């Protein structure tokens, strides 16, 4: 195969491709028009993807900036729960002491009425 045959084949293919690109189909559109529509669709999809990535990045930044506040809120909540538990335990112990005293007094009264 010589360079002459290769060049002739290349040129024939290029001409056939160009003719094919400009021939309309049954809808009257050329291959070139379809390619342009596809390219426009890809550009739009790329822009949508870039917008989505931008929004996701912004959401990530907001989340990252909220983490310290959330950590502090959780620490404060744990502290408040611990304080409530301590107060509740004191109240429960005081009530238990009163119940024990009432039970003791009631048992004493019952023993006196039996005698």
N, C-alpha and C. Protein backbone atom coordinates (compact mmCIF):
# COMPACT_ATOMS: atom_id res chain seq x y z
N UNK A 1 0.85 -1.17 0.00
CA UNK A 1 0.00 0.00 0.00
C UNK A 1 0.90 1.24 0.00
N UNK A 2 0.60 2.11 -0.83
CA UNK A 2 1.45 3.28 -0.96
C UNK A 2 0.78 4.49 -0.33
N UNK A 3 1.56 5.50 -0.19
CA UNK A 3 1.06 6.76 0.36
C UNK A 3 -0.03 7.33 -0.55
N UNK A 4 0.09 7.08 -1.84
CA UNK A 4 -0.90 7.58 -2.79
C UNK A 4 -2.26 6.94 -2.51
N UNK A 5 -2.29 5.62 -2.27
CA UNK A 5 -3.55 4.92 -1.99
C UNK A 5 -4.14 5.38 -0.65
N UNK A 6 -3.26 5.54 0.33
CA UNK A 6 -3.73 6.00 1.64
C UNK A 6 -4.34 7.39 1.54
N UNK A 7 -3.68 8.28 0.84
CA UNK A 7 -4.16 9.65 0.66
C UNK A 7 -5.49 9.66 -0.07
N UNK A 8 -5.60 8.84 -1.10
CA UNK A 8 -6.84 8.76 -1.87
C UNK A 8 -7.98 8.23 -0.99
N UNK A 9 -7.71 7.22 -0.20
CA UNK A 9 -8.72 6.66 0.71
C UNK A 9 -9.14 7.67 1.77
N UNK A 10 -8.16 8.37 2.31
CA UNK A 10 -8.44 9.39 3.33
C UNK A 10 -9.31 10.50 2.75
N UNK A 11 -8.95 10.97 1.56
CA UNK A 11 -9.70 12.04 0.91
C UNK A 11 -11.12 11.58 0.57
N UNK A 12 -11.27 10.38 0.08
CA UNK A 12 -12.60 9.84 -0.24
C UNK A 12 -13.46 9.77 1.02
N UNK A 13 -12.88 9.28 2.12
CA UNK A 13 -13.61 9.20 3.39
C UNK A 13 -14.02 10.57 3.90
N UNK A 14 -13.15 11.54 3.78
CA UNK A 14 -13.46 12.89 4.24
C UNK A 14 -14.60 13.49 3.42
N UNK A 15 -14.56 13.26 2.09
CA UNK A 15 -15.62 13.80 1.24
C UNK A 15 -16.94 13.10 1.56
N UNK A 16 -16.90 11.77 1.73
CA UNK A 16 -18.13 11.03 2.05
C UNK A 16 -18.69 11.50 3.39
N UNK A 17 -17.84 11.74 4.37
CA UNK A 17 -18.28 12.23 5.68
C UNK A 17 -18.91 13.60 5.59
N UNK A 18 -18.32 14.48 4.78
CA UNK A 18 -18.86 15.82 4.63
C UNK A 18 -20.21 15.78 3.92
N UNK A 19 -20.32 14.96 2.89
CA UNK A 19 -21.60 14.83 2.18
C UNK A 19 -22.66 14.28 3.13
N UNK A 20 -22.29 13.23 3.89
CA UNK A 20 -23.23 12.61 4.83
C UNK A 20 -23.68 13.63 5.89
N UNK A 21 -22.78 14.48 6.36
CA UNK A 21 -23.11 15.46 7.39
C UNK A 21 -24.11 16.50 6.90
N UNK A 22 -24.14 16.76 5.61
CA UNK A 22 -25.04 17.78 5.08
C UNK A 22 -26.31 17.21 4.45
N UNK A 23 -26.43 15.89 4.35
CA UNK A 23 -27.63 15.29 3.77
C UNK A 23 -28.74 15.28 4.81
N UNK A 24 -29.92 15.74 4.46
CA UNK A 24 -31.03 15.73 5.43
C UNK A 24 -31.64 14.34 5.55
N UNK A 25 -32.22 14.06 6.73
CA UNK A 25 -32.94 12.81 6.92
C UNK A 25 -34.41 13.01 6.59
N UNK A 26 -35.27 12.04 6.95
CA UNK A 26 -36.69 12.14 6.61
C UNK A 26 -37.37 13.31 7.31
N UNK A 27 -36.80 13.81 8.40
CA UNK A 27 -37.37 14.95 9.11
C UNK A 27 -36.83 16.28 8.59
N UNK A 28 -35.90 16.21 7.68
CA UNK A 28 -35.34 17.43 7.11
C UNK A 28 -34.14 17.96 7.88
N UNK A 29 -33.69 17.21 8.89
CA UNK A 29 -32.53 17.66 9.67
C UNK A 29 -31.26 16.98 9.17
N UNK A 30 -30.19 17.73 9.23
CA UNK A 30 -28.91 17.17 8.83
C UNK A 30 -28.20 16.61 10.06
N UNK A 31 -27.24 15.76 9.80
CA UNK A 31 -26.44 15.19 10.90
C UNK A 31 -25.80 16.30 11.71
N UNK A 32 -25.40 17.32 11.02
CA UNK A 32 -24.77 18.45 11.68
C UNK A 32 -25.72 19.11 12.69
N UNK A 33 -27.00 19.24 12.31
CA UNK A 33 -27.98 19.83 13.22
C UNK A 33 -28.19 18.95 14.45
N UNK A 34 -28.21 17.62 14.23
CA UNK A 34 -28.33 16.70 15.37
C UNK A 34 -27.13 16.83 16.31
N UNK A 35 -25.95 16.92 15.71
CA UNK A 35 -24.74 17.07 16.53
C UNK A 35 -24.76 18.38 17.31
N UNK A 36 -25.26 19.44 16.69
CA UNK A 36 -25.35 20.73 17.38
C UNK A 36 -26.34 20.64 18.54
N UNK A 37 -27.49 19.98 18.30
CA UNK A 37 -28.47 19.80 19.39
C UNK A 37 -27.86 19.00 20.54
N UNK A 38 -27.13 17.93 20.19
CA UNK A 38 -26.48 17.13 21.23
C UNK A 38 -25.46 17.95 22.00
N UNK A 39 -24.69 18.75 21.27
CA UNK A 39 -23.68 19.59 21.93
C UNK A 39 -24.34 20.60 22.86
N UNK A 40 -25.45 21.19 22.40
CA UNK A 40 -26.19 22.14 23.25
C UNK A 40 -26.73 21.42 24.50
N UNK A 41 -27.23 20.20 24.32
CA UNK A 41 -27.73 19.42 25.45
C UNK A 41 -26.62 19.11 26.44
N UNK A 42 -25.45 18.76 25.92
CA UNK A 42 -24.32 18.49 26.80
C UNK A 42 -23.89 19.74 27.57
N UNK A 43 -23.91 20.88 26.89
CA UNK A 43 -23.55 22.14 27.57
C UNK A 43 -24.53 22.44 28.70
N UNK A 44 -25.82 22.23 28.42
CA UNK A 44 -26.85 22.48 29.44
C UNK A 44 -26.68 21.52 30.62
N UNK A 45 -26.43 20.24 30.31
CA UNK A 45 -26.23 19.25 31.37
C UNK A 45 -24.98 19.59 32.20
N UNK A 46 -23.94 20.06 31.53
CA UNK A 46 -22.72 20.44 32.23
C UNK A 46 -23.00 21.61 33.17
N UNK A 47 -23.76 22.59 32.70
CA UNK A 47 -24.09 23.75 33.53
C UNK A 47 -24.93 23.32 34.73
N UNK A 48 -25.91 22.42 34.50
CA UNK A 48 -26.72 21.91 35.61
C UNK A 48 -25.86 21.19 36.64
N UNK A 49 -24.91 20.40 36.14
CA UNK A 49 -24.01 19.68 37.05
C UNK A 49 -23.15 20.65 37.84
N UNK A 50 -22.62 21.67 37.18
CA UNK A 50 -21.80 22.66 37.88
C UNK A 50 -22.62 23.39 38.94
N UNK A 51 -23.88 23.73 38.61
CA UNK A 51 -24.75 24.39 39.58
C UNK A 51 -25.02 23.49 40.78
N UNK A 52 -25.28 22.23 40.51
CA UNK A 52 -25.55 21.27 41.59
C UNK A 52 -24.32 21.09 42.47
N UNK A 53 -23.16 21.00 41.86
CA UNK A 53 -21.93 20.86 42.64
C UNK A 53 -21.68 22.10 43.48
N UNK A 54 -21.98 23.25 42.93
CA UNK A 54 -21.81 24.50 43.68
C UNK A 54 -22.73 24.52 44.89
N UNK A 55 -24.00 24.13 44.69
CA UNK A 55 -24.95 24.10 45.80
C UNK A 55 -24.53 23.07 46.85
N UNK A 56 -24.03 21.93 46.40
CA UNK A 56 -23.57 20.90 47.34
C UNK A 56 -22.37 21.40 48.14
N UNK A 57 -21.48 22.11 47.48
CA UNK A 57 -20.31 22.68 48.16
C UNK A 57 -20.74 23.70 49.22
N UNK A 58 -21.68 24.57 48.86
CA UNK A 58 -22.19 25.56 49.82
C UNK A 58 -22.87 24.89 51.00
N UNK A 59 -23.65 23.83 50.73
CA UNK A 59 -24.31 23.10 51.82
C UNK A 59 -23.28 22.45 52.73
N UNK A 60 -22.22 21.92 52.14
CA UNK A 60 -21.14 21.33 52.94
C UNK A 60 -20.47 22.36 53.82
N UNK A 61 -20.24 23.54 53.29
CA UNK A 61 -19.63 24.60 54.08
C UNK A 61 -20.54 25.03 55.24
N UNK A 62 -21.86 25.14 54.95
CA UNK A 62 -22.80 25.50 56.03
C UNK A 62 -22.83 24.43 57.10
N UNK A 63 -22.80 23.18 56.68
CA UNK A 63 -22.81 22.07 57.64
C UNK A 63 -21.53 22.10 58.49
N UNK A 64 -20.41 22.30 57.82
CA UNK A 64 -19.13 22.35 58.55
C UNK A 64 -19.11 23.50 59.55
N UNK A 65 -19.70 24.63 59.19
CA UNK A 65 -19.70 25.77 60.12
C UNK A 65 -20.69 25.53 61.25
N UNK A 66 -21.68 24.67 61.05
CA UNK A 66 -22.67 24.39 62.09
C UNK A 66 -22.20 23.34 63.09
N UNK A 67 -21.20 22.56 62.74
CA UNK A 67 -20.74 21.48 63.61
C UNK A 67 -20.28 22.01 64.98
N UNK A 68 -19.46 23.06 65.05
CA UNK A 68 -19.06 23.53 66.38
C UNK A 68 -20.27 23.98 67.22
N UNK A 69 -21.21 24.65 66.60
CA UNK A 69 -22.40 25.09 67.34
C UNK A 69 -23.20 23.89 67.82
N UNK A 70 -23.34 22.89 66.97
CA UNK A 70 -24.08 21.69 67.35
C UNK A 70 -23.36 20.95 68.47
N UNK A 71 -22.03 20.91 68.42
CA UNK A 71 -21.26 20.25 69.47
C UNK A 71 -21.45 20.97 70.81
N UNK A 72 -21.44 22.29 70.77
CA UNK A 72 -21.65 23.07 72.00
C UNK A 72 -23.05 22.87 72.53
N UNK A 73 -24.02 22.86 71.64
CA UNK A 73 -25.41 22.64 72.04
C UNK A 73 -25.57 21.28 72.69
N UNK A 74 -24.94 20.26 72.11
CA UNK A 74 -25.00 18.92 72.68
C UNK A 74 -24.32 18.86 74.04
N UNK A 75 -23.19 19.53 74.18
CA UNK A 75 -22.50 19.56 75.47
C UNK A 75 -23.37 20.25 76.52
N UNK A 76 -24.00 21.36 76.14
CA UNK A 76 -24.89 22.08 77.07
C UNK A 76 -26.08 21.21 77.45
N UNK A 77 -26.63 20.52 76.49
CA UNK A 77 -27.76 19.64 76.75
C UNK A 77 -27.37 18.53 77.72
N UNK A 78 -26.21 17.93 77.51
CA UNK A 78 -25.73 16.88 78.42
C UNK A 78 -25.54 17.42 79.83
N UNK A 79 -25.01 18.63 79.94
CA UNK A 79 -24.83 19.25 81.25
C UNK A 79 -26.19 19.47 81.92
N UNK A 80 -27.14 19.97 81.17
CA UNK A 80 -28.49 20.20 81.73
C UNK A 80 -29.14 18.89 82.16
N UNK A 81 -28.96 17.85 81.37
CA UNK A 81 -29.51 16.54 81.74
C UNK A 81 -28.86 16.04 83.02
N UNK A 82 -27.56 16.19 83.14
CA UNK A 82 -26.85 15.75 84.35
C UNK A 82 -27.36 16.51 85.58
N UNK A 83 -27.55 17.83 85.44
CA UNK A 83 -28.07 18.63 86.56
C UNK A 83 -29.49 18.19 86.94
N UNK A 84 -30.32 17.95 85.93
CA UNK A 84 -31.69 17.51 86.18
C UNK A 84 -31.67 16.17 86.91
N UNK A 85 -30.80 15.27 86.47
CA UNK A 85 -30.72 13.95 87.10
C UNK A 85 -30.29 14.07 88.56
N UNK A 86 -29.32 14.93 88.83
CA UNK A 86 -28.87 15.13 90.22
C UNK A 86 -30.01 15.67 91.08
N UNK A 87 -30.74 16.67 90.56
CA UNK A 87 -31.87 17.24 91.31
C UNK A 87 -32.97 16.20 91.50
N UNK A 88 -33.24 15.44 90.47
CA UNK A 88 -34.28 14.40 90.56
C UNK A 88 -33.87 13.35 91.58
N UNK A 89 -32.60 12.95 91.59
CA UNK A 89 -32.13 11.96 92.57
C UNK A 89 -32.29 12.50 94.00
N UNK A 90 -31.98 13.79 94.21
CA UNK A 90 -32.15 14.38 95.55
C UNK A 90 -33.62 14.35 95.96
N UNK A 91 -34.50 14.75 95.02
CA UNK A 91 -35.93 14.76 95.32
C UNK A 91 -36.44 13.34 95.59
N UNK A 92 -36.00 12.39 94.80
CA UNK A 92 -36.42 11.00 95.00
C UNK A 92 -35.96 10.49 96.36
N UNK A 93 -34.73 10.80 96.72
CA UNK A 93 -34.21 10.37 98.04
C UNK A 93 -35.00 11.02 99.17
N UNK A 94 -35.34 12.32 99.01
CA UNK A 94 -36.12 13.00 100.05
C UNK A 94 -37.51 12.39 100.16
N UNK A 95 -38.13 12.10 99.03
CA UNK A 95 -39.46 11.46 99.05
C UNK A 95 -39.39 10.07 99.66
N UNK A 96 -38.34 9.33 99.33
CA UNK A 96 -38.19 7.98 99.89
C UNK A 96 -38.03 8.05 101.41
N UNK A 97 -37.29 9.05 101.87
CA UNK A 97 -37.12 9.22 103.31
C UNK A 97 -38.47 9.53 103.97
N UNK A 98 -39.28 10.37 103.34
CA UNK A 98 -40.61 10.69 103.88
C UNK A 98 -41.50 9.46 103.88
N UNK A 99 -41.45 8.68 102.80
CA UNK A 99 -42.24 7.45 102.73
C UNK A 99 -41.82 6.49 103.83
N UNK A 100 -40.51 6.35 104.01
CA UNK A 100 -40.00 5.46 105.07
C UNK A 100 -40.48 5.93 106.44
N UNK A 101 -40.44 7.26 106.67
CA UNK A 101 -40.87 7.80 107.95
C UNK A 101 -42.37 7.58 108.14
N UNK A 102 -43.17 7.82 107.10
CA UNK A 102 -44.62 7.60 107.18
C UNK A 102 -44.93 6.13 107.45
N UNK A 103 -44.20 5.24 106.80
CA UNK A 103 -44.41 3.81 107.01
C UNK A 103 -44.08 3.44 108.44
N UNK A 104 -42.97 4.00 108.94
CA UNK A 104 -42.57 3.72 110.33
C UNK A 104 -43.62 4.24 111.30
N UNK A 105 -44.11 5.46 111.05
CA UNK A 105 -45.13 6.05 111.93
C UNK A 105 -46.43 5.25 111.86
N UNK A 106 -46.81 4.84 110.66
CA UNK A 106 -48.03 4.06 110.49
C UNK A 106 -47.92 2.72 111.21
N UNK A 107 -46.78 2.08 111.07
CA UNK A 107 -46.57 0.80 111.77
C UNK A 107 -46.60 1.00 113.29
N UNK A 108 -46.04 2.11 113.73
CA UNK A 108 -46.06 2.41 115.16
C UNK A 108 -47.48 2.64 115.64
N UNK A 109 -48.29 3.37 114.87
CA UNK A 109 -49.69 3.62 115.24
C UNK A 109 -50.49 2.31 115.26
N UNK A 110 -50.23 1.46 114.28
CA UNK A 110 -50.95 0.18 114.23
C UNK A 110 -50.58 -0.71 115.43
N UNK A 111 -49.32 -0.67 115.80
CA UNK A 111 -48.89 -1.48 116.96
C UNK A 111 -49.54 -0.95 118.25
N UNK A 112 -49.70 0.36 118.35
CA UNK A 112 -50.30 0.96 119.56
C UNK A 112 -51.79 0.62 119.64
N UNK A 113 -52.47 0.61 118.49
CA UNK A 113 -53.91 0.31 118.52
C UNK A 113 -54.14 -1.17 118.77
N UNK A 114 -53.21 -2.03 118.44
CA UNK A 114 -53.34 -3.46 118.71
C UNK A 114 -53.13 -3.76 120.18
N UNK A 115 -52.33 -3.00 120.83
CA UNK A 115 -52.00 -3.25 122.25
C UNK A 115 -53.01 -2.61 123.09
